[in-house]
N, C-alpha and C. Protein backbone atom coordinates (compact mmCIF):
# COMPACT_ATOMS: atom_id res chain seq x y z
N UNK A 1 63.11 160.69 74.73
CA UNK A 1 63.82 160.94 76.07
C UNK A 1 63.15 162.18 76.80
N UNK A 2 62.71 162.05 77.95
CA UNK A 2 61.93 163.00 78.77
C UNK A 2 63.09 164.18 79.15
N UNK A 3 64.13 163.76 79.78
CA UNK A 3 65.11 164.81 80.17
C UNK A 3 66.65 164.25 80.14
N UNK A 4 67.64 165.21 80.08
CA UNK A 4 68.94 164.85 80.28
C UNK A 4 69.54 165.96 81.07
N UNK A 5 70.73 165.67 81.49
CA UNK A 5 71.53 166.79 82.32
C UNK A 5 71.76 167.97 81.45
N UNK A 6 71.51 168.10 80.10
CA UNK A 6 72.01 169.16 79.32
C UNK A 6 70.88 169.95 78.83
N UNK A 7 69.52 169.57 79.35
CA UNK A 7 68.38 170.34 78.63
C UNK A 7 68.42 171.84 79.12
N UNK A 8 69.27 172.18 80.15
CA UNK A 8 69.12 173.74 80.44
C UNK A 8 69.92 174.51 79.35
N UNK A 9 70.76 173.89 78.55
CA UNK A 9 71.35 174.64 77.56
C UNK A 9 70.43 175.40 76.51
N UNK A 10 70.69 176.45 76.13
CA UNK A 10 69.85 177.25 75.43
C UNK A 10 69.49 176.67 74.00
N UNK A 11 70.62 176.22 73.35
CA UNK A 11 70.53 175.56 72.07
C UNK A 11 69.60 174.23 72.18
N UNK A 12 69.71 173.48 73.19
CA UNK A 12 68.98 172.26 73.47
C UNK A 12 67.55 172.63 73.75
N UNK A 13 67.39 173.51 74.62
CA UNK A 13 65.98 173.94 75.01
C UNK A 13 65.20 174.51 73.78
N UNK A 14 65.87 175.02 72.66
CA UNK A 14 65.17 175.60 71.49
C UNK A 14 65.20 174.71 70.35
N UNK A 15 65.75 173.42 70.54
CA UNK A 15 65.80 172.41 69.45
C UNK A 15 64.68 172.34 68.47
N UNK A 16 63.37 172.51 69.03
CA UNK A 16 62.26 172.36 68.01
C UNK A 16 61.95 173.72 67.29
N UNK A 17 62.87 174.61 67.37
CA UNK A 17 62.61 175.95 66.57
C UNK A 17 63.55 176.04 65.37
N UNK A 18 64.50 175.13 65.17
CA UNK A 18 65.38 175.35 64.16
C UNK A 18 64.99 174.79 62.77
N UNK A 19 65.36 175.45 61.75
CA UNK A 19 64.97 174.98 60.28
C UNK A 19 66.03 173.99 59.82
N UNK A 20 65.76 173.51 58.75
CA UNK A 20 66.66 172.55 58.02
C UNK A 20 68.06 173.21 57.88
N UNK A 21 69.10 172.39 58.36
CA UNK A 21 70.44 172.95 58.22
C UNK A 21 71.33 171.89 57.97
N UNK A 22 71.61 171.41 56.74
CA UNK A 22 72.44 170.37 56.32
C UNK A 22 73.90 170.65 56.67
N UNK A 23 74.55 169.54 57.05
CA UNK A 23 76.05 169.60 57.25
C UNK A 23 76.67 168.41 56.49
N UNK A 24 76.74 168.65 55.33
CA UNK A 24 77.40 167.65 54.30
C UNK A 24 78.79 167.04 54.66
N UNK A 25 79.57 167.89 55.38
CA UNK A 25 80.92 167.54 55.67
C UNK A 25 80.93 166.40 56.74
N UNK A 26 79.80 166.33 57.52
CA UNK A 26 79.68 165.28 58.53
C UNK A 26 79.80 163.82 57.93
N UNK A 27 79.31 163.76 56.77
CA UNK A 27 79.29 162.35 56.04
C UNK A 27 80.64 161.71 56.03
N UNK A 28 81.82 162.43 56.22
CA UNK A 28 83.14 161.88 56.33
C UNK A 28 83.26 160.86 57.41
N UNK A 29 82.39 160.97 58.55
CA UNK A 29 82.49 160.05 59.66
C UNK A 29 81.98 158.68 59.32
N UNK A 30 81.28 158.49 58.17
CA UNK A 30 80.81 157.21 57.69
C UNK A 30 81.75 156.56 56.65
N UNK A 31 82.90 157.29 56.31
CA UNK A 31 83.85 156.63 55.36
C UNK A 31 84.48 155.33 55.92
N UNK A 32 84.41 154.27 55.25
CA UNK A 32 85.00 153.04 55.65
C UNK A 32 86.64 153.25 55.66
N UNK A 33 87.12 153.88 54.63
CA UNK A 33 88.59 154.08 54.64
C UNK A 33 88.85 155.62 54.20
N UNK A 34 90.10 156.04 54.51
CA UNK A 34 90.36 157.49 54.23
C UNK A 34 90.45 157.71 52.66
N UNK A 35 90.53 156.63 51.87
CA UNK A 35 90.68 156.75 50.52
C UNK A 35 89.25 156.90 49.78
N UNK A 36 88.10 156.50 50.42
CA UNK A 36 86.79 156.68 49.92
C UNK A 36 86.50 158.08 49.70
N UNK A 37 85.94 158.28 48.39
CA UNK A 37 85.70 159.69 47.88
C UNK A 37 84.20 160.08 48.22
N UNK A 38 83.38 159.04 48.38
CA UNK A 38 81.93 159.44 48.69
C UNK A 38 81.47 158.34 49.62
N UNK A 39 80.24 158.60 50.25
CA UNK A 39 79.56 157.64 51.02
C UNK A 39 78.21 157.50 50.67
N UNK A 40 77.91 156.23 50.77
CA UNK A 40 76.42 155.75 50.32
C UNK A 40 75.47 155.84 51.51
N UNK A 41 74.87 157.08 51.77
CA UNK A 41 74.06 157.33 52.71
C UNK A 41 72.92 156.44 52.91
N UNK A 42 72.35 155.83 51.87
CA UNK A 42 71.29 154.69 51.86
C UNK A 42 71.76 153.55 52.68
N UNK A 43 73.05 153.09 52.31
CA UNK A 43 73.63 151.90 52.87
C UNK A 43 73.86 152.19 54.41
N UNK A 44 74.28 153.43 54.64
CA UNK A 44 74.66 153.83 56.12
C UNK A 44 73.30 153.85 56.87
N UNK A 45 72.29 154.12 56.37
CA UNK A 45 71.00 154.30 57.06
C UNK A 45 70.56 152.80 57.21
N UNK A 46 70.64 151.96 56.27
CA UNK A 46 70.15 150.60 56.38
C UNK A 46 71.02 149.85 57.53
N UNK A 47 72.27 150.23 57.59
CA UNK A 47 73.12 149.56 58.60
C UNK A 47 72.71 150.20 60.06
N UNK A 48 72.44 151.45 60.13
CA UNK A 48 72.16 151.90 61.40
C UNK A 48 70.74 151.52 61.92
N UNK A 49 69.77 151.24 61.13
CA UNK A 49 68.57 150.76 61.49
C UNK A 49 68.67 149.38 61.99
N UNK A 50 69.54 148.50 61.25
CA UNK A 50 69.84 147.13 61.76
C UNK A 50 70.36 147.13 63.19
N UNK A 51 71.38 148.02 63.38
CA UNK A 51 72.11 148.12 64.70
C UNK A 51 71.05 148.56 65.77
N UNK A 52 70.13 149.45 65.35
CA UNK A 52 69.26 149.99 66.39
C UNK A 52 68.30 148.87 66.81
N UNK A 53 67.84 148.04 65.72
CA UNK A 53 67.09 146.99 66.10
C UNK A 53 67.73 145.80 67.06
N UNK A 54 68.97 145.85 66.96
CA UNK A 54 69.88 144.80 67.55
C UNK A 54 70.01 145.33 69.02
N UNK A 55 70.30 146.71 69.19
CA UNK A 55 70.58 147.23 70.50
C UNK A 55 70.03 148.60 70.53
N UNK A 56 68.86 148.77 71.13
CA UNK A 56 68.17 150.15 71.14
C UNK A 56 68.78 151.06 72.20
N UNK A 57 69.78 150.58 73.04
CA UNK A 57 70.22 151.46 74.04
C UNK A 57 71.72 151.77 73.87
N UNK A 58 72.27 151.54 72.82
CA UNK A 58 73.77 151.65 72.57
C UNK A 58 74.00 153.19 72.19
N UNK A 59 74.71 153.94 73.13
CA UNK A 59 74.85 155.40 72.79
C UNK A 59 75.61 155.54 71.58
N UNK A 60 76.61 154.72 71.23
CA UNK A 60 77.41 154.93 70.14
C UNK A 60 76.53 154.87 68.77
N UNK A 61 75.49 153.96 68.72
CA UNK A 61 74.63 153.80 67.53
C UNK A 61 73.83 155.18 67.57
N UNK A 62 73.28 155.74 68.52
CA UNK A 62 72.53 156.90 68.48
C UNK A 62 73.43 158.02 68.10
N UNK A 63 74.75 157.95 68.47
CA UNK A 63 75.69 159.00 68.01
C UNK A 63 75.68 158.99 66.51
N UNK A 64 75.71 157.82 65.91
CA UNK A 64 75.78 157.70 64.50
C UNK A 64 74.58 158.09 63.90
N UNK A 65 73.54 157.80 64.43
CA UNK A 65 72.13 158.11 63.80
C UNK A 65 71.93 159.68 63.85
N UNK A 66 72.55 160.24 65.07
CA UNK A 66 72.36 161.69 65.10
C UNK A 66 73.30 162.36 63.97
N UNK A 67 74.40 161.91 63.88
CA UNK A 67 75.19 162.40 62.80
C UNK A 67 74.61 162.15 61.14
N UNK A 68 74.00 161.13 61.08
CA UNK A 68 73.26 160.84 59.83
C UNK A 68 72.19 162.06 59.63
N UNK A 69 71.48 162.34 60.64
CA UNK A 69 70.44 163.43 60.65
C UNK A 69 71.09 164.86 60.46
N UNK A 70 72.38 165.08 60.93
CA UNK A 70 73.05 166.23 60.75
C UNK A 70 73.39 166.46 59.27
N UNK A 71 73.73 165.27 58.61
CA UNK A 71 74.00 165.31 57.20
C UNK A 71 72.83 165.79 56.44
N UNK A 72 71.68 165.13 56.79
CA UNK A 72 70.43 165.48 56.23
C UNK A 72 69.79 166.87 56.52
N UNK A 73 70.42 167.30 57.66
CA UNK A 73 69.79 168.67 57.90
C UNK A 73 68.77 168.71 58.98
N UNK A 74 68.54 167.73 59.52
CA UNK A 74 67.28 167.50 60.60
C UNK A 74 67.99 167.75 61.90
N UNK A 75 68.02 169.05 62.21
CA UNK A 75 68.74 169.39 63.56
C UNK A 75 68.00 168.77 64.77
N UNK A 76 66.74 169.03 64.79
CA UNK A 76 65.97 168.54 65.96
C UNK A 76 66.11 166.96 66.09
N UNK A 77 66.08 166.27 65.12
CA UNK A 77 66.31 164.65 65.39
C UNK A 77 67.73 164.35 65.67
N UNK A 78 68.65 165.25 65.09
CA UNK A 78 70.09 164.95 65.50
C UNK A 78 70.36 165.14 67.00
N UNK A 79 69.80 166.24 67.43
CA UNK A 79 69.83 166.68 68.84
C UNK A 79 69.19 165.63 69.66
N UNK A 80 67.92 165.16 69.35
CA UNK A 80 67.20 164.08 70.07
C UNK A 80 68.01 162.81 70.18
N UNK A 81 68.74 162.42 69.10
CA UNK A 81 69.65 161.31 69.06
C UNK A 81 70.77 161.49 70.06
N UNK A 82 71.46 162.68 70.18
CA UNK A 82 72.51 162.89 71.00
C UNK A 82 71.97 162.88 72.38
N UNK A 83 70.70 163.42 72.49
CA UNK A 83 70.12 163.40 74.10
C UNK A 83 69.86 161.96 74.44
N UNK A 84 69.44 161.17 73.44
CA UNK A 84 69.16 159.69 73.92
C UNK A 84 70.57 159.15 74.31
N UNK A 85 71.68 159.41 73.57
CA UNK A 85 72.88 158.76 73.94
C UNK A 85 73.31 159.21 75.25
N UNK A 86 73.05 160.60 75.52
CA UNK A 86 73.49 161.08 76.85
C UNK A 86 72.60 160.71 77.95
N UNK A 87 71.33 160.34 77.60
CA UNK A 87 70.45 159.78 78.66
C UNK A 87 71.01 158.35 79.19
N UNK A 88 71.56 157.71 78.22
CA UNK A 88 72.12 156.34 78.57
C UNK A 88 73.50 156.58 79.13
N UNK A 89 74.26 157.47 78.67
CA UNK A 89 75.76 157.65 79.00
C UNK A 89 75.96 159.03 79.18
N UNK A 90 75.70 159.73 80.24
CA UNK A 90 75.65 161.10 80.44
C UNK A 90 77.07 161.92 80.20
N UNK A 91 78.06 161.07 80.20
CA UNK A 91 79.50 161.65 80.00
C UNK A 91 80.08 161.22 78.69
N UNK A 92 79.21 160.65 77.92
CA UNK A 92 79.75 160.04 76.57
C UNK A 92 80.35 161.27 75.74
N UNK A 93 81.79 161.16 75.57
CA UNK A 93 82.53 162.28 74.87
C UNK A 93 82.10 162.51 73.50
N UNK A 94 81.72 161.34 72.85
CA UNK A 94 81.39 161.54 71.30
C UNK A 94 80.10 162.26 71.21
N UNK A 95 79.17 161.81 72.16
CA UNK A 95 77.80 162.58 72.09
C UNK A 95 77.90 164.07 72.45
N UNK A 96 78.82 164.28 73.30
CA UNK A 96 79.01 165.62 73.79
C UNK A 96 79.56 166.43 72.65
N UNK A 97 80.65 165.97 72.05
CA UNK A 97 81.22 166.77 70.97
C UNK A 97 80.40 166.77 69.62
N UNK A 98 79.52 165.80 69.43
CA UNK A 98 78.58 165.78 68.19
C UNK A 98 77.57 166.95 68.57
N UNK A 99 77.05 166.88 69.72
CA UNK A 99 76.04 167.98 70.05
C UNK A 99 76.72 169.31 70.09
N UNK A 100 77.99 169.45 70.51
CA UNK A 100 78.63 170.74 70.58
C UNK A 100 78.82 171.28 69.06
N UNK A 101 79.23 170.39 68.15
CA UNK A 101 79.34 170.72 66.79
C UNK A 101 78.12 171.18 66.15
N UNK A 102 76.97 170.59 66.50
CA UNK A 102 75.62 170.82 66.01
C UNK A 102 75.27 172.19 66.46
N UNK A 103 75.52 172.58 67.71
CA UNK A 103 75.10 173.81 68.30
C UNK A 103 76.06 174.81 67.86
N UNK A 104 77.20 174.63 67.61
CA UNK A 104 78.16 175.63 67.08
C UNK A 104 77.78 176.08 65.63
N UNK A 105 77.31 175.13 64.85
CA UNK A 105 76.80 175.60 63.55
C UNK A 105 75.50 176.32 63.52
N UNK A 106 74.84 176.34 64.69
CA UNK A 106 73.63 177.07 65.07
C UNK A 106 73.86 178.32 65.80
N UNK A 107 75.31 178.62 66.05
CA UNK A 107 75.63 179.88 66.61
C UNK A 107 75.43 179.96 68.18
N UNK A 108 75.31 178.84 68.80
CA UNK A 108 75.22 178.73 70.15
C UNK A 108 76.65 178.51 70.95
N UNK A 109 77.36 179.57 70.94
CA UNK A 109 78.75 179.40 71.28
C UNK A 109 79.12 179.10 72.64
N UNK A 110 78.28 179.59 73.68
CA UNK A 110 78.35 179.33 75.09
C UNK A 110 78.20 177.78 75.31
N UNK A 111 77.03 177.32 74.65
CA UNK A 111 76.82 175.87 74.67
C UNK A 111 77.93 175.02 74.05
N UNK A 112 78.41 175.52 72.98
CA UNK A 112 79.62 174.85 72.35
C UNK A 112 80.80 174.59 73.17
N UNK A 113 81.17 175.72 73.93
CA UNK A 113 82.26 175.77 74.74
C UNK A 113 82.08 174.78 76.05
N UNK A 114 80.77 175.02 76.51
CA UNK A 114 80.43 174.10 77.71
C UNK A 114 80.55 172.59 77.27
N UNK A 115 79.85 172.15 76.35
CA UNK A 115 79.96 170.77 75.83
C UNK A 115 81.31 170.17 75.36
N UNK A 116 82.04 171.06 74.58
CA UNK A 116 83.38 170.58 74.08
C UNK A 116 84.31 170.46 75.33
N UNK A 117 84.30 171.24 76.26
CA UNK A 117 85.20 171.09 77.36
C UNK A 117 84.76 169.91 78.15
N UNK A 118 83.57 169.56 78.32
CA UNK A 118 83.10 168.31 79.04
C UNK A 118 83.56 166.95 78.16
N UNK A 119 83.37 167.14 76.74
CA UNK A 119 83.82 165.97 76.01
C UNK A 119 85.32 165.86 76.18
N UNK A 120 86.11 166.83 76.25
CA UNK A 120 87.54 166.84 76.35
C UNK A 120 88.03 166.23 77.71
N UNK A 121 87.19 166.59 78.80
CA UNK A 121 87.40 166.00 80.03
C UNK A 121 87.14 164.55 80.28
N UNK A 122 86.04 164.12 79.53
CA UNK A 122 85.64 162.80 79.67
C UNK A 122 86.06 161.84 78.43
N UNK A 123 87.13 162.27 77.80
CA UNK A 123 87.45 161.61 76.60
C UNK A 123 87.94 160.24 77.01
N UNK A 124 87.67 159.37 75.94
CA UNK A 124 88.07 157.98 76.19
C UNK A 124 89.49 157.75 76.18
N UNK A 125 90.14 156.83 77.04
CA UNK A 125 91.65 156.66 76.93
C UNK A 125 92.20 156.49 75.42
N UNK A 126 93.16 157.11 75.21
CA UNK A 126 93.83 157.04 73.92
C UNK A 126 93.08 157.47 72.73
N UNK A 127 91.86 158.14 72.90
CA UNK A 127 91.03 158.54 71.87
C UNK A 127 91.62 159.82 71.24
N UNK A 128 91.23 160.09 69.96
CA UNK A 128 91.76 161.24 69.38
C UNK A 128 90.88 162.46 69.85
N UNK A 129 91.54 163.59 70.01
CA UNK A 129 90.78 164.79 70.46
C UNK A 129 91.07 166.03 69.69
N UNK A 130 91.45 165.83 68.41
CA UNK A 130 91.76 166.96 67.59
C UNK A 130 90.50 167.86 67.46
N UNK A 131 89.37 167.18 67.28
CA UNK A 131 88.12 167.74 66.88
C UNK A 131 87.66 168.60 68.21
N UNK A 132 87.87 168.13 69.25
CA UNK A 132 87.54 169.07 70.51
C UNK A 132 88.37 170.31 70.52
N UNK A 133 89.66 170.12 70.26
CA UNK A 133 90.62 171.39 70.20
C UNK A 133 90.15 172.21 69.03
N UNK A 134 89.93 171.59 67.94
CA UNK A 134 89.54 172.50 66.88
C UNK A 134 88.32 173.24 66.99
N UNK A 135 87.20 172.54 67.68
CA UNK A 135 86.06 173.21 67.95
C UNK A 135 86.24 174.33 69.03
N UNK A 136 86.98 174.13 70.00
CA UNK A 136 87.28 175.22 71.01
C UNK A 136 88.02 176.51 70.32
N UNK A 137 88.79 176.10 69.30
CA UNK A 137 89.56 177.16 68.60
C UNK A 137 88.53 178.06 67.88
N UNK A 138 87.67 177.23 67.24
CA UNK A 138 86.56 178.07 66.33
C UNK A 138 85.74 178.86 67.32
N UNK A 139 85.27 178.30 68.37
CA UNK A 139 84.30 178.96 69.34
C UNK A 139 85.12 180.25 69.95
N UNK A 140 86.32 180.17 70.35
CA UNK A 140 87.02 181.27 70.94
C UNK A 140 87.30 182.32 69.91
N UNK A 141 87.52 181.88 68.73
CA UNK A 141 87.66 182.74 67.52
C UNK A 141 86.53 183.67 67.28
N UNK A 142 85.23 183.09 67.51
CA UNK A 142 84.02 183.75 67.32
C UNK A 142 83.83 184.80 68.38
N UNK A 143 84.38 184.36 69.69
CA UNK A 143 84.22 185.36 70.81
C UNK A 143 85.35 186.31 70.80
N UNK A 144 86.31 186.34 69.93
CA UNK A 144 87.32 187.25 69.71
C UNK A 144 88.38 187.02 70.64
N UNK A 145 88.55 185.94 71.28
CA UNK A 145 89.75 185.58 72.18
C UNK A 145 90.76 184.92 71.28
N UNK A 146 91.37 185.73 70.50
CA UNK A 146 92.20 185.19 69.50
C UNK A 146 93.57 184.39 69.97
N UNK A 147 94.13 184.87 70.99
CA UNK A 147 95.30 184.07 71.33
C UNK A 147 94.80 182.75 71.76
N UNK A 148 93.72 182.65 72.66
CA UNK A 148 93.21 181.26 72.93
C UNK A 148 92.76 180.45 71.80
N UNK A 149 92.16 181.05 71.03
CA UNK A 149 91.78 180.31 69.64
C UNK A 149 92.94 179.78 68.87
N UNK A 150 94.04 180.60 68.73
CA UNK A 150 95.17 180.11 68.07
C UNK A 150 95.82 178.90 68.88
N UNK A 151 95.81 178.98 70.12
CA UNK A 151 96.50 177.94 70.89
C UNK A 151 95.81 176.65 70.71
N UNK A 152 94.41 176.74 70.56
CA UNK A 152 93.73 175.49 70.37
C UNK A 152 93.84 174.98 68.89
N UNK A 153 93.91 175.85 68.07
CA UNK A 153 94.11 175.36 66.58
C UNK A 153 95.50 174.77 66.37
N UNK A 154 96.53 175.37 67.09
CA UNK A 154 97.88 174.73 66.98
C UNK A 154 97.86 173.34 67.56
N UNK A 155 97.11 173.17 68.66
CA UNK A 155 97.12 171.85 69.26
C UNK A 155 96.23 170.77 68.38
N UNK A 156 95.25 171.38 67.91
CA UNK A 156 94.45 170.60 66.91
C UNK A 156 95.38 170.06 65.70
N UNK A 157 96.23 170.97 65.22
CA UNK A 157 97.07 170.73 64.12
C UNK A 157 98.16 169.80 64.58
N UNK A 158 98.72 169.82 65.83
CA UNK A 158 99.63 168.93 66.27
C UNK A 158 99.14 167.50 66.28
N UNK A 159 97.83 167.50 66.62
CA UNK A 159 97.21 166.14 66.80
C UNK A 159 96.79 165.52 65.43
N UNK A 160 96.47 166.50 64.49
CA UNK A 160 96.13 166.09 63.18
C UNK A 160 96.74 167.10 62.15
N UNK A 161 98.00 166.53 61.66
CA UNK A 161 98.80 167.58 60.89
C UNK A 161 98.10 167.86 59.50
N UNK A 162 97.13 166.95 59.01
CA UNK A 162 96.48 167.18 57.76
C UNK A 162 95.30 168.13 57.92
N UNK A 163 94.96 168.59 59.06
CA UNK A 163 93.71 169.42 59.29
C UNK A 163 94.04 170.83 58.64
N UNK A 164 93.68 170.89 57.41
CA UNK A 164 93.89 172.06 56.69
C UNK A 164 93.01 173.26 57.23
N UNK A 165 91.94 172.98 57.66
CA UNK A 165 91.04 174.00 58.23
C UNK A 165 91.57 174.71 59.28
N UNK A 166 92.39 174.00 60.23
CA UNK A 166 93.13 174.73 61.43
C UNK A 166 94.10 175.57 60.80
N UNK A 167 94.93 175.23 59.77
CA UNK A 167 95.95 175.97 59.15
C UNK A 167 95.33 177.32 58.67
N UNK A 168 94.24 177.15 58.04
CA UNK A 168 93.37 178.36 57.45
C UNK A 168 93.00 179.34 58.51
N UNK A 169 92.49 178.77 59.66
CA UNK A 169 92.14 179.68 60.62
C UNK A 169 93.33 180.40 61.32
N UNK A 170 94.55 179.75 61.46
CA UNK A 170 95.70 180.28 61.92
C UNK A 170 96.32 181.33 61.10
N UNK A 171 96.27 181.14 59.69
CA UNK A 171 96.53 182.23 58.86
C UNK A 171 95.77 183.47 58.95
N UNK A 172 94.45 183.19 59.12
CA UNK A 172 93.51 184.21 59.29
C UNK A 172 93.64 185.10 60.57
N UNK A 173 94.11 184.31 61.52
CA UNK A 173 94.38 184.98 62.83
C UNK A 173 95.73 185.79 62.79
N UNK A 174 96.62 185.26 62.05
CA UNK A 174 97.81 185.91 61.88
C UNK A 174 97.63 187.37 61.09
N UNK A 175 96.84 187.21 60.06
CA UNK A 175 96.51 188.47 59.26
C UNK A 175 95.79 189.41 60.16
N UNK A 176 94.75 189.04 61.03
CA UNK A 176 94.04 189.94 61.86
C UNK A 176 95.16 190.53 62.74
N UNK A 177 96.03 189.76 63.31
CA UNK A 177 96.95 190.27 64.22
C UNK A 177 97.81 191.37 63.68
N UNK A 178 98.31 191.10 62.45
CA UNK A 178 99.10 191.98 61.71
C UNK A 178 98.38 193.24 61.47
N UNK A 179 97.03 193.33 61.16
CA UNK A 179 96.16 194.38 60.85
C UNK A 179 96.08 195.09 62.19
N UNK A 180 95.84 194.49 63.28
CA UNK A 180 95.73 195.14 64.52
C UNK A 180 96.93 195.85 65.03
N UNK A 181 98.08 195.20 64.82
CA UNK A 181 99.23 195.85 65.04
C UNK A 181 99.57 197.08 64.27
N UNK A 182 99.17 196.99 62.88
CA UNK A 182 99.34 198.14 62.01
C UNK A 182 98.44 199.34 62.53
N UNK A 183 97.33 199.03 62.75
CA UNK A 183 96.19 200.25 63.07
C UNK A 183 96.81 200.73 64.49
N UNK A 184 97.22 199.78 65.43
CA UNK A 184 97.71 200.19 66.73
C UNK A 184 98.91 201.29 66.54
N UNK A 185 99.89 200.95 65.61
CA UNK A 185 100.96 201.95 65.28
C UNK A 185 100.55 203.26 64.84
N UNK A 186 99.55 203.20 63.82
CA UNK A 186 98.92 204.40 63.30
C UNK A 186 98.37 205.15 64.34
N UNK A 187 97.56 204.64 65.23
CA UNK A 187 96.82 205.42 66.25
C UNK A 187 97.87 206.09 67.15
N UNK A 188 98.87 205.36 67.62
CA UNK A 188 99.94 205.99 68.47
C UNK A 188 100.77 207.06 67.77
N UNK A 189 101.10 206.84 66.51
CA UNK A 189 101.66 207.99 65.82
C UNK A 189 100.72 209.20 65.63
N UNK A 190 99.34 209.06 65.56
CA UNK A 190 98.63 210.01 65.39
C UNK A 190 98.48 210.86 66.67
N UNK A 191 98.33 210.00 67.85
CA UNK A 191 98.40 210.64 69.08
C UNK A 191 99.55 211.52 69.44
N UNK A 192 100.76 210.77 69.07
CA UNK A 192 102.08 211.50 69.31
C UNK A 192 102.05 212.81 68.59
N UNK A 193 101.66 212.66 67.31
CA UNK A 193 101.62 213.99 66.43
C UNK A 193 100.83 215.03 67.10
N UNK A 194 99.55 214.50 67.61
CA UNK A 194 98.74 215.48 68.11
C UNK A 194 99.20 216.20 69.32
N UNK A 195 99.89 215.34 70.19
CA UNK A 195 100.44 216.02 71.33
C UNK A 195 101.57 216.93 71.02
N UNK A 196 102.37 216.63 69.94
CA UNK A 196 103.47 217.53 69.51
C UNK A 196 102.93 218.78 69.10
N UNK A 197 101.86 218.71 68.28
CA UNK A 197 101.15 220.05 67.73
C UNK A 197 100.76 220.84 68.83
N UNK A 198 99.97 220.25 69.78
CA UNK A 198 99.51 220.97 70.91
C UNK A 198 100.56 221.77 71.84
N UNK A 199 101.69 220.82 71.90
CA UNK A 199 102.77 221.44 72.78
C UNK A 199 103.51 222.63 71.92
N UNK A 200 103.64 222.35 70.78
CA UNK A 200 104.26 223.45 69.82
C UNK A 200 103.42 224.71 69.82
N UNK A 201 102.01 224.48 69.86
CA UNK A 201 101.05 225.69 69.74
C UNK A 201 101.21 226.43 71.08
N UNK A 202 101.16 225.77 72.19
CA UNK A 202 101.31 226.33 73.44
C UNK A 202 102.62 227.09 73.65
N UNK A 203 103.69 226.60 73.16
CA UNK A 203 105.07 227.31 73.27
C UNK A 203 104.99 228.63 72.40
N UNK A 204 104.35 228.44 71.16
CA UNK A 204 104.21 229.53 70.39
C UNK A 204 103.39 230.65 70.88
N UNK A 205 102.25 230.24 71.64
CA UNK A 205 101.28 231.33 72.29
C UNK A 205 101.99 232.06 73.27
N UNK A 206 102.85 231.22 74.07
CA UNK A 206 103.47 231.85 75.23
C UNK A 206 104.59 232.79 74.80
N UNK A 207 105.28 232.57 73.75
CA UNK A 207 106.22 233.37 73.15
C UNK A 207 105.65 234.63 72.47
C-alpha cells in the first residue's frame, strides 16, 4: 500500500523501526467458541491464505491476517495489513481498533487515542464496543487522566461483565485515589501545623 489517511501518525510512520513484539493474547480472536482452550495457528494461517486467494481486497481478511502477525510478533507486517484494510475501507472500525491496540502496546498513546475514538465513531451497527472503551481507559490511565480512565473502564465492564482486566484497572485506580487522598490530607495537616507554629512564634516574640 503506497499511502493511507493514517500514515501521518507517528507509530505508523515509524513502523519499520520496531522489533519483534509478540501479542499472544490476540490469539483469542481466532477461537471458534468461547470454550476453546487453545488455537491452532497453523490452521488459522491456512484458512487466511485461502481467504486471501479468494478475495484479495476484503478488509476483514486483512484485519485477521494483521491479528495473526500480532500474535507472531511481526509488528511491521501487522500494521501493513491494517493499512491495506484501511486503504480499501478508510473508516473500517475493526482495522482502526486493531491498529490502535498495536500502537498502544508500542507506547504510542496519542495515536491510540486518535484511532480508538475514530473506531468508536465509525462502529458497525449493533457491534460490540467494549474493546474500544477498554482501550481508551488504558490510554487515559497512562496519561494520568484517572477519572476519564475509570469512566471508560466502567463502560467497558458494563458492556462486557466478564472483562476481569477492566476490574483490575478499576481496583488499581481506586488504590491510587486512596493514596492520593491520604497524602493530600498529610500535606494539609503539615501546612496547618506549620502555620500554627509560625503564628505561635510571632505571638511569643511580640510578647
